[in-house]
Structure formats: structure tokens, C-alpha cells
N, C-alpha and C. Protein backbone atom coordinates (compact mmCIF):
# COMPACT_ATOMS: atom_id res chain seq x y z
N MET A 1 3.18 28.86 23.01
CA MET A 1 3.55 28.57 21.90
C MET A 1 2.99 27.03 21.12
N PRO A 2 2.29 27.02 19.79
CA PRO A 2 1.63 25.86 19.89
C PRO A 2 2.42 24.70 19.54
N LEU A 3 1.93 23.53 19.75
CA LEU A 3 3.27 22.29 19.47
C LEU A 3 3.31 21.81 18.67
N PRO A 4 4.64 21.38 17.90
CA PRO A 4 4.90 21.15 16.48
C PRO A 4 4.16 20.15 15.57
N GLN A 5 3.56 20.12 15.02
CA GLN A 5 2.65 18.95 14.27
C GLN A 5 3.50 18.19 13.33
N PRO A 6 2.49 16.82 13.19
CA PRO A 6 3.08 15.82 12.64
C PRO A 6 3.59 16.22 11.25
N VAL A 7 4.29 15.68 10.52
CA VAL A 7 4.39 16.08 9.00
C VAL A 7 5.09 14.95 7.80
N CYS A 8 5.70 13.46 8.84
CA CYS A 8 5.52 12.40 8.58
C CYS A 8 5.65 11.42 9.20
N TYR A 9 5.22 10.24 9.10
CA TYR A 9 5.03 9.17 9.57
C TYR A 9 5.74 7.68 8.74
N TYR A 10 7.04 7.27 9.68
CA TYR A 10 7.60 6.65 8.60
C TYR A 10 7.53 4.95 9.24
N HIS A 11 7.11 3.91 8.64
CA HIS A 11 6.28 2.45 8.96
C HIS A 11 6.81 1.80 8.55
N THR A 12 6.60 0.29 9.13
CA THR A 12 6.46 -0.54 8.07
C THR A 12 4.88 -1.50 8.20
N PRO A 13 3.70 -1.67 7.84
CA PRO A 13 2.61 -1.99 8.04
C PRO A 13 2.55 -3.34 8.77
N ARG A 14 3.12 -4.17 8.38
CA ARG A 14 2.63 -5.30 9.37
C ARG A 14 3.55 -5.70 10.38
N ALA A 15 4.58 -4.96 10.49
CA ALA A 15 5.54 -4.85 11.62
C ALA A 15 4.96 -4.28 13.06
N PRO A 16 4.94 -5.55 13.98
CA PRO A 16 3.97 -4.91 15.40
C PRO A 16 3.80 -3.32 15.76
N ASN A 17 5.15 -3.06 16.18
CA ASN A 17 5.54 -1.48 16.54
C ASN A 17 4.76 -0.59 15.75
N PRO A 18 5.07 -0.41 14.45
CA PRO A 18 4.38 0.34 13.74
C PRO A 18 2.34 0.17 13.24
N ARG A 19 2.43 -1.15 13.65
CA ARG A 19 1.06 -1.26 13.48
C ARG A 19 0.37 -0.98 14.42
N ARG A 20 0.74 -0.97 15.64
CA ARG A 20 0.02 -0.46 17.03
C ARG A 20 -0.06 1.11 16.67
N THR A 21 1.16 1.82 16.05
CA THR A 21 0.81 3.22 16.10
C THR A 21 -0.36 3.45 15.34
N GLN A 22 -0.13 2.54 14.34
CA GLN A 22 -1.14 3.16 13.11
C GLN A 22 -2.48 2.73 13.30
N ILE A 23 -2.75 1.91 14.33
CA ILE A 23 -4.15 1.80 14.89
C ILE A 23 -4.72 2.76 15.64
N PHE A 24 -3.34 3.40 16.50
CA PHE A 24 -3.90 4.32 17.33
C PHE A 24 -4.25 5.77 16.81
N ILE A 25 -3.37 5.85 15.74
CA ILE A 25 -3.08 6.65 14.80
C ILE A 25 -5.07 7.25 13.96
N ASP A 26 -5.52 5.68 13.50
CA ASP A 26 -6.26 5.37 12.72
C ASP A 26 -7.85 5.52 13.54
N GLU A 27 -7.72 5.17 15.23
CA GLU A 27 -8.77 5.41 16.14
C GLU A 27 -8.66 6.58 16.72
N LYS A 28 -7.89 7.27 16.39
CA LYS A 28 -7.83 8.98 16.52
C LYS A 28 -8.40 9.72 15.65
N GLY A 29 -8.54 8.92 14.29
CA GLY A 29 -8.78 10.04 13.16
C GLY A 29 -8.19 10.97 12.44
N ILE A 30 -6.54 10.94 12.83
CA ILE A 30 -5.94 11.95 12.31
C ILE A 30 -5.14 11.28 11.24
N GLU A 31 -4.89 12.46 10.16
CA GLU A 31 -4.36 12.01 8.90
C GLU A 31 -2.95 12.75 8.95
N ILE A 32 -1.99 11.67 8.39
CA ILE A 32 -0.36 12.12 8.48
C ILE A 32 -0.04 11.39 7.21
N PRO A 33 0.67 12.31 6.36
CA PRO A 33 1.44 11.51 5.40
C PRO A 33 2.64 10.55 5.80
N ARG A 34 1.94 9.18 4.98
CA ARG A 34 3.28 8.27 5.77
C ARG A 34 4.10 7.78 4.59
N VAL A 35 5.17 7.37 4.91
CA VAL A 35 6.44 6.67 4.08
C VAL A 35 6.93 5.33 4.54
N GLU A 36 6.64 4.08 3.81
CA GLU A 36 6.92 3.04 3.87
C GLU A 36 8.20 2.74 3.93
N VAL A 37 9.07 1.86 4.89
CA VAL A 37 10.24 1.99 5.37
C VAL A 37 10.13 0.13 5.01
N ASN A 38 11.16 -0.36 4.18
CA ASN A 38 11.31 -1.75 4.10
C ASN A 38 12.18 -2.44 4.77
N LEU A 39 11.71 -3.27 5.80
CA LEU A 39 13.05 -3.20 6.64
C LEU A 39 14.09 -5.00 5.96
N MET A 40 13.05 -5.40 5.03
CA MET A 40 13.55 -6.51 4.29
C MET A 40 14.77 -6.22 3.57
N GLU A 41 14.62 -4.90 2.97
CA GLU A 41 15.61 -4.26 2.12
C GLU A 41 16.88 -3.56 3.03
N GLY A 42 16.49 -3.16 3.95
CA GLY A 42 17.58 -2.70 4.85
C GLY A 42 17.67 -0.97 5.09
N ALA A 43 16.01 -0.52 4.26
CA ALA A 43 15.71 0.61 4.02
C ALA A 43 16.32 1.60 5.18
N HIS A 44 15.67 0.65 6.51
CA HIS A 44 15.95 1.77 7.79
C HIS A 44 17.70 1.51 8.27
N LYS A 45 18.31 1.18 7.53
CA LYS A 45 20.06 1.05 7.98
C LYS A 45 20.59 1.85 6.80
N GLN A 46 19.79 2.85 5.94
CA GLN A 46 20.28 3.26 5.05
C GLN A 46 20.71 4.70 5.49
N ALA A 47 21.69 5.35 4.98
CA ALA A 47 22.30 6.88 5.46
C ALA A 47 21.37 7.92 5.65
N ASP A 48 20.22 8.19 4.67
CA ASP A 48 19.26 9.00 4.57
C ASP A 48 18.39 8.99 6.02
N TYR A 49 18.10 7.63 6.12
CA TYR A 49 16.95 7.61 7.24
C TYR A 49 17.98 7.55 8.45
N LEU A 50 18.73 6.95 8.47
CA LEU A 50 19.66 7.43 9.91
C LEU A 50 19.88 8.44 10.50
N ASN A 51 20.15 9.43 9.15
CA ASN A 51 20.49 10.82 9.22
C ASN A 51 19.28 11.53 9.96
N LYS A 52 18.10 11.34 9.46
CA LYS A 52 16.70 12.07 9.92
C LYS A 52 16.35 11.40 11.10
N VAL A 53 16.15 10.19 11.15
CA VAL A 53 16.07 9.40 12.77
C VAL A 53 16.50 9.26 13.60
N GLY A 54 18.40 9.12 13.43
CA GLY A 54 18.88 8.43 14.30
C GLY A 54 19.08 7.17 14.86
N ILE A 55 18.43 6.34 14.17
CA ILE A 55 18.43 4.89 15.23
C ILE A 55 17.53 4.04 13.81
N SER A 56 18.00 2.62 13.40
CA SER A 56 17.72 1.79 12.54
C SER A 56 16.30 0.99 13.01
N GLN A 57 15.10 1.84 13.32
CA GLN A 57 13.92 1.28 13.72
C GLN A 57 12.89 2.22 12.88
N VAL A 58 11.74 1.49 13.11
CA VAL A 58 10.40 1.89 12.55
C VAL A 58 9.31 1.66 13.69
N PRO A 59 8.25 2.37 14.10
CA PRO A 59 7.64 3.67 13.39
C PRO A 59 8.94 5.01 13.90
N ALA A 60 8.67 5.59 13.26
CA ALA A 60 9.20 7.29 13.40
C ALA A 60 8.36 8.43 13.16
N LEU A 61 7.81 9.29 13.96
CA LEU A 61 7.49 10.55 13.54
C LEU A 61 7.95 11.65 13.47
N GLU A 62 7.83 12.64 12.40
CA GLU A 62 8.53 13.70 12.12
C GLU A 62 7.64 14.76 12.20
N LEU A 63 8.47 15.54 13.25
CA LEU A 63 7.09 17.09 13.45
C LEU A 63 8.02 18.09 12.40
N SER A 64 6.86 19.05 12.34
CA SER A 64 7.18 20.38 11.77
C SER A 64 8.55 21.33 12.30
N ASP A 65 8.76 21.15 13.59
CA ASP A 65 9.84 21.67 13.86
C ASP A 65 11.74 20.95 14.19
N GLY A 66 11.22 19.54 12.96
CA GLY A 66 12.43 18.72 12.77
C GLY A 66 12.73 17.64 13.82
N THR A 67 11.59 17.63 14.93
CA THR A 67 12.02 16.59 15.92
C THR A 67 11.67 15.33 15.37
N VAL A 68 12.05 14.48 15.72
CA VAL A 68 11.78 13.15 15.30
C VAL A 68 11.37 12.56 16.10
N LEU A 69 10.53 11.62 16.70
CA LEU A 69 9.78 11.02 17.80
C LEU A 69 10.20 9.39 17.43
N VAL A 70 10.80 8.70 17.87
CA VAL A 70 10.50 7.00 17.84
C VAL A 70 10.00 6.25 19.31
N GLU A 71 9.82 4.98 18.93
CA GLU A 71 9.01 4.36 20.30
C GLU A 71 7.94 4.36 19.81
N SER A 72 6.57 3.51 19.76
CA SER A 72 5.50 3.40 19.53
C SER A 72 4.59 4.13 20.71
N PRO A 73 5.07 4.05 21.66
CA PRO A 73 4.23 4.41 23.20
C PRO A 73 4.41 6.19 23.49
N ALA A 74 5.81 6.38 22.99
CA ALA A 74 6.07 7.59 22.75
C ALA A 74 5.50 8.60 21.93
N ILE A 75 5.36 8.37 20.51
CA ILE A 75 4.89 8.68 19.44
C ILE A 75 3.14 8.64 20.06
N CYS A 76 2.51 8.00 20.36
CA CYS A 76 1.32 7.72 20.82
C CYS A 76 0.87 8.50 22.27
N ARG A 77 2.10 8.71 22.88
CA ARG A 77 1.57 9.80 23.85
C ARG A 77 1.57 11.23 23.31
N TYR A 78 2.45 11.99 22.27
CA TYR A 78 2.27 12.80 22.20
C TYR A 78 0.78 13.12 20.82
N LEU A 79 0.78 11.85 20.49
CA LEU A 79 -0.29 12.33 19.71
C LEU A 79 -1.50 12.91 20.12
N GLU A 80 -1.89 11.88 21.66
CA GLU A 80 -2.73 12.47 22.64
C GLU A 80 -2.71 13.39 22.78
N ALA A 81 -1.65 13.94 23.20
CA ALA A 81 -1.55 15.36 23.72
C ALA A 81 -2.19 16.49 22.75
N LEU A 82 -1.69 16.03 21.08
CA LEU A 82 -2.39 17.00 20.06
C LEU A 82 -3.69 17.00 19.81
N HIS A 83 -4.51 15.27 20.00
CA HIS A 83 -5.57 15.43 19.97
C HIS A 83 -5.99 14.03 21.20
N PRO A 84 -6.60 15.13 22.30
CA PRO A 84 -7.37 14.26 23.25
C PRO A 84 -8.05 13.38 23.36
N GLU A 85 -9.15 13.16 22.48
CA GLU A 85 -10.44 12.79 22.22
C GLU A 85 -10.05 12.04 21.07
N PRO A 86 -10.71 10.46 20.95
CA PRO A 86 -10.90 9.57 22.06
C PRO A 86 -9.88 9.65 23.40
N ASN A 87 -10.35 9.70 24.29
CA ASN A 87 -8.66 9.51 24.91
C ASN A 87 -8.55 7.55 25.27
N MET A 88 -7.26 7.61 25.09
CA MET A 88 -6.83 6.26 25.24
C MET A 88 -5.81 5.80 25.78
N LEU A 89 -4.99 7.12 26.72
CA LEU A 89 -4.21 7.09 27.76
C LEU A 89 -4.43 7.11 29.29
N GLY A 90 -5.66 7.32 29.23
CA GLY A 90 -6.26 7.39 30.52
C GLY A 90 -6.46 9.00 31.00
N HIS A 91 -7.73 9.03 31.84
CA HIS A 91 -8.09 10.07 32.43
C HIS A 91 -7.42 10.82 33.50
N ASP A 92 -7.19 9.90 34.19
CA ASP A 92 -6.32 10.72 35.57
C ASP A 92 -5.49 9.67 35.94
N ALA A 93 -4.92 10.17 36.84
CA ALA A 93 -3.54 9.68 37.05
C ALA A 93 -3.47 7.84 37.42
N LEU A 94 -4.58 7.71 38.33
CA LEU A 94 -4.85 6.39 38.35
C LEU A 94 -5.04 5.74 37.14
N GLU A 95 -6.51 5.85 36.57
CA GLU A 95 -6.52 5.57 35.31
C GLU A 95 -5.34 5.45 34.12
N GLN A 96 -4.23 6.48 34.16
CA GLN A 96 -3.23 6.56 33.20
C GLN A 96 -2.44 5.51 33.69
N SER A 97 -2.45 5.52 34.84
CA SER A 97 -0.98 4.70 35.22
C SER A 97 -1.27 3.03 35.01
N TYR A 98 -2.89 2.64 35.34
CA TYR A 98 -3.28 1.86 35.45
C TYR A 98 -3.49 0.79 33.94
N VAL A 99 -3.44 1.51 32.71
CA VAL A 99 -3.30 1.62 31.52
C VAL A 99 -2.14 1.23 31.25
N GLU A 100 -1.05 2.09 31.60
CA GLU A 100 -0.04 1.68 31.00
C GLU A 100 0.67 0.72 31.73
N MET A 101 0.20 -0.14 32.69
CA MET A 101 0.83 -1.13 33.58
C MET A 101 0.35 -2.32 32.72
N TRP A 102 -1.23 -2.20 31.93
CA TRP A 102 -1.36 -2.94 31.39
C TRP A 102 -1.07 -2.95 30.08
N GLN A 103 -0.74 -2.07 29.68
CA GLN A 103 -0.10 -1.71 27.89
C GLN A 103 1.23 -2.28 28.52
N ARG A 104 2.22 -2.01 29.48
CA ARG A 104 3.87 -2.70 29.38
C ARG A 104 3.68 -4.00 29.56
N ARG A 105 2.70 -4.89 30.43
CA ARG A 105 2.58 -6.13 30.53
C ARG A 105 2.35 -6.68 29.39
N ILE A 106 1.65 -6.54 28.88
CA ILE A 106 1.52 -7.18 27.39
C ILE A 106 2.66 -6.85 26.49
N GLU A 107 3.19 -5.83 26.61
CA GLU A 107 4.17 -5.40 25.70
C GLU A 107 5.36 -6.76 26.05
N LEU A 108 5.82 -6.51 26.95
CA LEU A 108 6.97 -7.02 27.49
C LEU A 108 6.78 -8.43 28.05
N ARG A 109 5.53 -9.08 28.21
CA ARG A 109 5.36 -10.42 28.54
C ARG A 109 4.95 -11.23 27.23
N LEU A 110 3.94 -10.62 26.66
CA LEU A 110 3.38 -11.38 25.39
C LEU A 110 4.01 -10.73 24.36
N MET A 111 4.05 -9.63 23.80
CA MET A 111 4.40 -9.17 22.38
C MET A 111 5.78 -9.82 21.83
N VAL A 112 6.89 -9.16 22.92
CA VAL A 112 8.03 -10.00 23.06
C VAL A 112 8.33 -11.17 23.25
N THR A 113 8.01 -12.39 23.74
CA THR A 113 7.81 -13.28 23.90
C THR A 113 7.38 -13.92 22.59
N ILE A 114 6.37 -13.59 21.80
CA ILE A 114 6.17 -13.89 20.67
C ILE A 114 6.95 -13.77 19.63
N ALA A 115 7.57 -12.16 19.44
CA ALA A 115 8.33 -11.82 18.74
C ALA A 115 10.07 -12.32 18.85
N GLN A 116 10.19 -12.97 19.90
CA GLN A 116 11.42 -14.20 20.02
C GLN A 116 11.58 -15.01 19.30
N VAL A 117 9.93 -16.02 19.74
CA VAL A 117 10.07 -16.95 18.91
C VAL A 117 10.05 -16.76 17.25
N PHE A 118 9.34 -16.00 16.65
CA PHE A 118 9.17 -15.68 15.37
C PHE A 118 10.86 -15.12 14.80
N ARG A 119 11.35 -14.26 15.79
CA ARG A 119 12.71 -13.63 15.31
C ARG A 119 14.11 -14.91 15.27
N HIS A 120 13.67 -15.51 15.80
CA HIS A 120 14.72 -16.80 15.91
C HIS A 120 14.65 -17.83 15.96
N THR A 121 13.26 -18.53 15.00
CA THR A 121 12.93 -19.77 14.40
C THR A 121 12.29 -19.53 12.99
N ASN A 122 11.99 -18.33 12.53
CA ASN A 122 11.82 -18.08 11.27
C ASN A 122 12.91 -17.78 10.15
N PRO A 123 13.38 -18.58 9.45
CA PRO A 123 14.26 -18.36 8.16
C PRO A 123 14.71 -17.14 7.88
N ARG A 124 13.58 -16.77 7.48
CA ARG A 124 13.41 -15.18 6.88
C ARG A 124 13.72 -14.13 7.41
N MET A 125 13.71 -14.64 8.90
CA MET A 125 14.56 -13.52 10.02
C MET A 125 16.14 -13.95 9.84
N ALA A 126 16.54 -14.32 9.49
CA ALA A 126 17.88 -14.53 9.14
C ALA A 126 18.77 -13.44 9.06
N ALA A 127 18.06 -12.72 8.00
CA ALA A 127 18.45 -11.29 7.31
C ALA A 127 18.43 -10.62 8.59
N LEU A 128 17.75 -10.13 9.12
CA LEU A 128 17.58 -9.15 10.44
C LEU A 128 18.09 -9.79 11.88
N GLU A 129 18.65 -10.70 11.54
CA GLU A 129 18.84 -11.57 13.28
C GLU A 129 19.68 -12.52 13.64
N THR A 130 20.70 -12.57 14.46
CA THR A 130 21.66 -13.42 14.55
C THR A 130 20.76 -14.44 15.39
N GLN A 131 20.28 -15.43 14.42
CA GLN A 131 19.25 -16.58 15.12
C GLN A 131 20.22 -17.59 16.43
N CYS A 132 19.21 -17.78 17.45
CA CYS A 132 19.56 -18.87 18.43
C CYS A 132 17.69 -19.48 18.37
N PRO A 133 18.01 -20.74 17.82
CA PRO A 133 16.78 -21.53 18.08
C PRO A 133 16.41 -22.03 19.15
N ASP A 134 17.50 -22.32 20.06
CA ASP A 134 16.89 -22.64 21.37
C ASP A 134 16.28 -21.79 21.94
N TRP A 135 16.95 -20.12 21.79
CA TRP A 135 16.18 -18.86 22.49
C TRP A 135 14.44 -18.93 22.16
N GLY A 136 14.62 -19.68 21.06
CA GLY A 136 12.98 -19.08 20.35
C GLY A 136 12.10 -19.99 20.91
N ALA A 137 12.98 -21.30 21.35
CA ALA A 137 12.07 -22.65 21.78
C ALA A 137 11.52 -22.31 23.27
N VAL A 138 12.17 -21.47 24.15
CA VAL A 138 12.58 -21.28 25.51
C VAL A 138 11.41 -20.42 25.37
N ASN A 139 11.04 -19.23 24.60
CA ASN A 139 9.95 -18.13 24.53
C ASN A 139 8.56 -18.75 24.20
N ALA A 140 8.72 -19.85 23.02
CA ALA A 140 7.53 -20.54 22.57
C ALA A 140 6.76 -21.30 23.90
N GLY A 141 7.76 -21.72 24.73
CA GLY A 141 6.78 -22.57 26.07
C GLY A 141 6.36 -21.54 26.78
N ARG A 142 6.64 -20.59 26.79
CA ARG A 142 5.84 -19.04 27.75
C ARG A 142 4.60 -18.75 27.15
N ILE A 143 4.22 -18.84 26.27
CA ILE A 143 3.22 -17.97 25.24
C ILE A 143 2.20 -18.45 25.90
N ASP A 144 1.30 -19.73 26.33
CA ASP A 144 0.26 -20.24 26.80
C ASP A 144 -0.11 -19.29 27.75
N GLU A 145 1.09 -19.33 28.98
CA GLU A 145 1.07 -18.62 30.18
C GLU A 145 0.54 -17.30 30.24
N ARG A 146 1.37 -16.98 29.37
CA ARG A 146 1.37 -15.38 29.29
C ARG A 146 -0.01 -14.69 28.43
N LEU A 147 -0.68 -15.69 27.67
CA LEU A 147 -2.36 -15.49 26.98
C LEU A 147 -2.98 -15.78 27.98
N ALA A 148 -2.68 -16.67 28.88
CA ALA A 148 -3.75 -16.83 29.95
C ALA A 148 -4.07 -15.57 30.80
N GLU A 149 -3.05 -15.20 31.51
CA GLU A 149 -2.87 -13.83 32.20
C GLU A 149 -3.87 -12.79 31.82
N LEU A 150 -3.82 -12.61 30.17
CA LEU A 150 -4.75 -11.41 29.68
C LEU A 150 -5.89 -12.47 29.57
N ASP A 151 -6.27 -13.63 29.87
CA ASP A 151 -7.68 -13.83 29.48
C ASP A 151 -8.42 -14.18 30.65
N ARG A 152 -7.74 -13.83 32.27
CA ARG A 152 -7.95 -13.97 33.33
C ARG A 152 -8.63 -12.63 33.47
N GLN A 153 -7.64 -11.02 32.82
CA GLN A 153 -8.19 -10.01 33.10
C GLN A 153 -9.07 -9.60 32.20
N LEU A 154 -9.83 -10.17 31.01
CA LEU A 154 -10.52 -9.96 30.61
C LEU A 154 -11.73 -10.83 31.08
N GLN A 155 -12.03 -11.52 31.84
CA GLN A 155 -13.14 -12.33 32.73
C GLN A 155 -14.17 -11.26 32.90
N GLY A 156 -15.34 -11.18 32.44
CA GLY A 156 -16.09 -10.04 33.06
C GLY A 156 -15.99 -8.39 32.52
N ARG A 157 -14.98 -8.58 31.69
CA ARG A 157 -14.83 -7.01 30.98
C ARG A 157 -14.87 -7.31 29.43
N ASP A 158 -15.16 -6.04 29.08
CA ASP A 158 -15.20 -5.76 27.48
C ASP A 158 -13.96 -5.10 26.90
N TRP A 159 -13.04 -4.37 27.84
CA TRP A 159 -11.82 -4.08 27.60
C TRP A 159 -10.48 -4.21 28.91
N ILE A 160 -9.15 -4.31 27.99
CA ILE A 160 -8.16 -4.80 28.92
C ILE A 160 -7.90 -3.85 30.51
N ALA A 161 -8.18 -2.41 30.05
CA ALA A 161 -7.80 -1.87 31.25
C ALA A 161 -8.72 -0.69 31.54
N ALA A 162 -9.73 -0.29 30.93
CA ALA A 162 -10.53 0.75 31.15
C ALA A 162 -12.50 0.32 30.76
N ASP A 163 -13.15 1.28 30.82
CA ASP A 163 -14.38 1.32 30.53
C ASP A 163 -14.49 1.37 28.67
N ARG A 164 -13.27 1.67 28.10
CA ARG A 164 -13.39 2.10 26.97
C ARG A 164 -12.05 1.22 25.99
N LEU A 165 -11.74 1.46 24.53
CA LEU A 165 -10.67 1.01 24.12
C LEU A 165 -9.52 1.75 24.80
N THR A 166 -7.97 1.47 24.72
CA THR A 166 -6.93 2.23 24.98
C THR A 166 -5.90 1.25 24.66
N ILE A 167 -4.74 2.00 24.76
CA ILE A 167 -3.85 1.41 23.92
C ILE A 167 -3.41 0.37 24.57
N ALA A 168 -3.59 -0.02 25.78
CA ALA A 168 -3.35 -1.76 26.27
C ALA A 168 -4.30 -2.81 25.38
N ASP A 169 -5.62 -2.58 24.91
CA ASP A 169 -5.92 -3.13 23.72
C ASP A 169 -5.59 -3.13 22.32
N ILE A 170 -4.69 -1.91 21.76
CA ILE A 170 -4.29 -1.73 20.92
C ILE A 170 -3.24 -2.89 20.99
N THR A 171 -2.17 -2.52 22.32
CA THR A 171 -1.02 -3.52 21.94
C THR A 171 -1.22 -4.70 21.85
N GLY A 172 -2.35 -5.25 22.86
CA GLY A 172 -3.04 -6.48 23.22
C GLY A 172 -3.06 -6.97 21.49
N VAL A 173 -3.57 -6.60 20.89
CA VAL A 173 -4.59 -6.86 19.52
C VAL A 173 -3.39 -7.60 18.81
N VAL A 174 -2.29 -6.33 18.28
CA VAL A 174 -1.21 -6.67 18.02
C VAL A 174 -0.58 -7.82 18.11
N ALA A 175 -0.22 -7.77 19.87
CA ALA A 175 0.51 -9.02 20.26
C ALA A 175 -0.32 -10.29 19.81
N VAL A 176 -1.63 -10.52 19.95
CA VAL A 176 -2.39 -11.51 19.86
C VAL A 176 -2.34 -11.96 18.18
N ASP A 177 -2.19 -11.02 17.28
CA ASP A 177 -2.37 -11.27 16.04
C ASP A 177 -0.65 -11.98 15.65
N PHE A 178 -0.10 -11.57 16.40
CA PHE A 178 1.29 -12.29 16.07
C PHE A 178 1.41 -13.42 15.84
N LEU A 179 0.47 -14.06 16.51
CA LEU A 179 0.56 -15.40 16.67
C LEU A 179 0.36 -16.30 15.37
N HIS A 180 -0.31 -15.69 14.38
CA HIS A 180 -0.08 -16.47 13.50
C HIS A 180 1.13 -16.85 12.50
N LEU A 181 1.96 -15.76 12.69
CA LEU A 181 3.27 -15.75 12.11
C LEU A 181 3.94 -16.64 12.70
N ILE A 182 3.41 -17.49 13.92
CA ILE A 182 4.44 -18.52 14.49
C ILE A 182 3.43 -19.65 14.31
N LYS A 183 2.40 -19.60 13.92
CA LYS A 183 1.12 -20.87 13.68
C LYS A 183 0.78 -21.13 14.63
N ARG A 184 0.18 -20.19 15.79
CA ARG A 184 -0.32 -20.65 16.90
C ARG A 184 -1.63 -19.71 16.80
N GLU A 185 -2.74 -20.54 17.53
CA GLU A 185 -3.77 -19.55 18.22
C GLU A 185 -4.12 -19.65 19.52
N ILE A 186 -4.75 -18.58 19.72
CA ILE A 186 -5.50 -18.95 21.24
C ILE A 186 -5.70 -19.62 21.77
N PRO A 187 -5.55 -20.61 22.64
CA PRO A 187 -6.02 -22.07 23.27
C PRO A 187 -7.75 -22.17 23.58
N GLU A 188 -8.59 -22.94 22.99
CA GLU A 188 -9.76 -22.88 23.17
C GLU A 188 -10.40 -22.55 24.01
N GLY A 189 -10.23 -22.80 25.45
CA GLY A 189 -10.43 -22.59 26.71
C GLY A 189 -10.31 -21.26 27.07
N MET A 190 -9.81 -20.37 26.56
CA MET A 190 -9.96 -18.89 27.19
C MET A 190 -10.51 -18.24 26.24
N THR A 191 -11.90 -18.38 26.93
CA THR A 191 -13.09 -17.70 26.00
C THR A 191 -13.17 -16.08 26.13
N ALA A 192 -12.78 -15.72 27.29
CA ALA A 192 -12.87 -14.20 27.21
C ALA A 192 -11.99 -13.99 26.21
N LEU A 193 -10.62 -13.99 26.23
CA LEU A 193 -9.52 -13.61 25.25
C LEU A 193 -10.40 -13.76 23.82
N ILE A 194 -10.56 -14.55 23.42
CA ILE A 194 -11.19 -14.89 21.74
C ILE A 194 -12.33 -14.01 21.90
N ALA A 195 -13.19 -13.94 22.57
CA ALA A 195 -14.63 -13.13 22.29
C ALA A 195 -13.75 -11.45 22.43
N TRP A 196 -12.61 -10.74 23.15
CA TRP A 196 -12.36 -9.78 23.24
C TRP A 196 -11.78 -9.40 21.67
N HIS A 197 -10.64 -10.77 21.60
CA HIS A 197 -9.84 -10.78 20.11
C HIS A 197 -11.05 -10.28 19.05
N ASP A 198 -11.83 -10.91 18.80
CA ASP A 198 -13.33 -10.94 18.21
C ASP A 198 -13.51 -9.70 18.09
N ARG A 199 -13.45 -8.88 18.96
CA ARG A 199 -14.34 -7.39 19.18
C ARG A 199 -13.26 -6.78 18.16
N MET A 200 -12.17 -6.60 19.07
CA MET A 200 -11.10 -6.07 18.17
C MET A 200 -11.02 -6.23 16.83
N ARG A 201 -11.00 -7.50 16.23
CA ARG A 201 -10.20 -7.72 15.03
C ARG A 201 -12.33 -7.09 14.15
N ALA A 202 -13.05 -6.85 14.49
CA ALA A 202 -14.27 -5.97 14.55
C ALA A 202 -13.92 -5.03 14.03
N ARG A 203 -12.96 -4.20 14.27
CA ARG A 203 -12.75 -2.63 14.17
C ARG A 203 -11.86 -2.20 12.76
N PRO A 204 -12.75 -1.52 12.26
CA PRO A 204 -11.83 -1.16 10.80
C PRO A 204 -10.45 -0.62 11.10
N SER A 205 -9.86 -0.38 12.34
CA SER A 205 -8.28 0.54 12.25
C SER A 205 -7.58 -1.36 12.39
N THR A 206 -8.18 -2.40 12.65
CA THR A 206 -7.04 -3.03 13.10
C THR A 206 -7.01 -4.13 11.65
N ALA A 207 -7.81 -3.68 11.06
CA ALA A 207 -7.45 -4.40 9.23
C ALA A 207 -6.40 -4.42 8.90
N LEU A 208 -5.74 -5.80 8.49
CA LEU A 208 -4.22 -6.23 7.95
C LEU A 208 -4.06 -5.25 6.89
N GLN A 209 -2.90 -4.00 7.02
CA GLN A 209 -2.88 -3.37 5.66
C GLN A 209 -1.68 -4.15 4.57
């Protein structure tokens, strides 16, 4: 029995999780109708969205059988099953595990850390977050250490977790790009990370929409 097909992708273009899913979609060359959800206006909390998606977050992927998938990695995994090439989640058990290890490490140790700084120190985010500036400051002090972990992994490598672009690289570029929102940059000495980031930002899929 054929798998249900995507019919609608709900997203907020510059938000990190929808952006990394969109990069994955673009790298696959998949065309999916899109609906933009305005987070600052609370569109993700409206009854029609909640009734369809079940939770007030983006991205969400609606399928032809009525199923709605949320969480960026889950959406990407389903799309990889529908469109196996180019492979971005790993060819075998070891490669899949290594890619997932780095994807999760970057997500939880770097992207979430930067997000906590942004959410708890940017005045605009008070509309979405009960802010704790001290928590934002704690996380700000962790960023360079987390960037250094990625720089060490990239020493002598073109890609983070395989011999080609994978979801780990996608999560990585979205996390590093997030630095500009908190007015931080990659430290000058992290040359491997800077070179990798330049290569990633040269790809059409990573252009900010």
C-alpha cells in the first residue's frame, strides 16, 4: 500500500525548526504546498490550527490521509522514506546512528543554547516567552564552548557526519546562523567551522527567505 503523500507544509520561514526542514525539502528537490504561520500574531495558537495540527508549534506536515507530522526530524525522516535520494540520514545502521548523534548533539547543545539566549534576552520575544534574563546569560556563556566542539569535529572534514551533506549539516548551519540574532559571530580562531559555514551558506537552499 503506498505511503500517504504530503499535501501541505505549515512553517514560519525564519524560525529555526521550520527553516531546517525547508532546507531539507529544498535539498531533496521536493515541491510541497506551503502555508506560512505567523507566530508573532499567535496564528499557531488559533483553534483552526490547533484542531488540525494538535499542538501550537511549527513546522507541521499534513499528509493525504489526514495525518499531521510535527517535529523537524520526524518530518525529515518521513520525507527521506518517500524520497531516498540524495540520502541525508545515513545509508546503513552505523552511518545513520553517527548522523543522528551529531544532529542531536548540535540541536541540543548548540541550537537550543542559542535559542535560550534569544528567547530570554530579546524584548520582542516577551510576547512568546516568560523571560528570565539570568537564564539567557547562563546560556550565553556556553556558546563558544559548544561552537568549539563543532570546530573540532570539522578539522580535516568537509561535512560534519558523513562524506556528503546530511541533516547534521543542516541543523548545524541553522544553529550557527542563529548567532546573528543575538549579535554573536563564530570566533576567528575556529577556522574549520568558518570554512564549513561559508560552504554551507553558498548553497541555494540556505538562503534566508
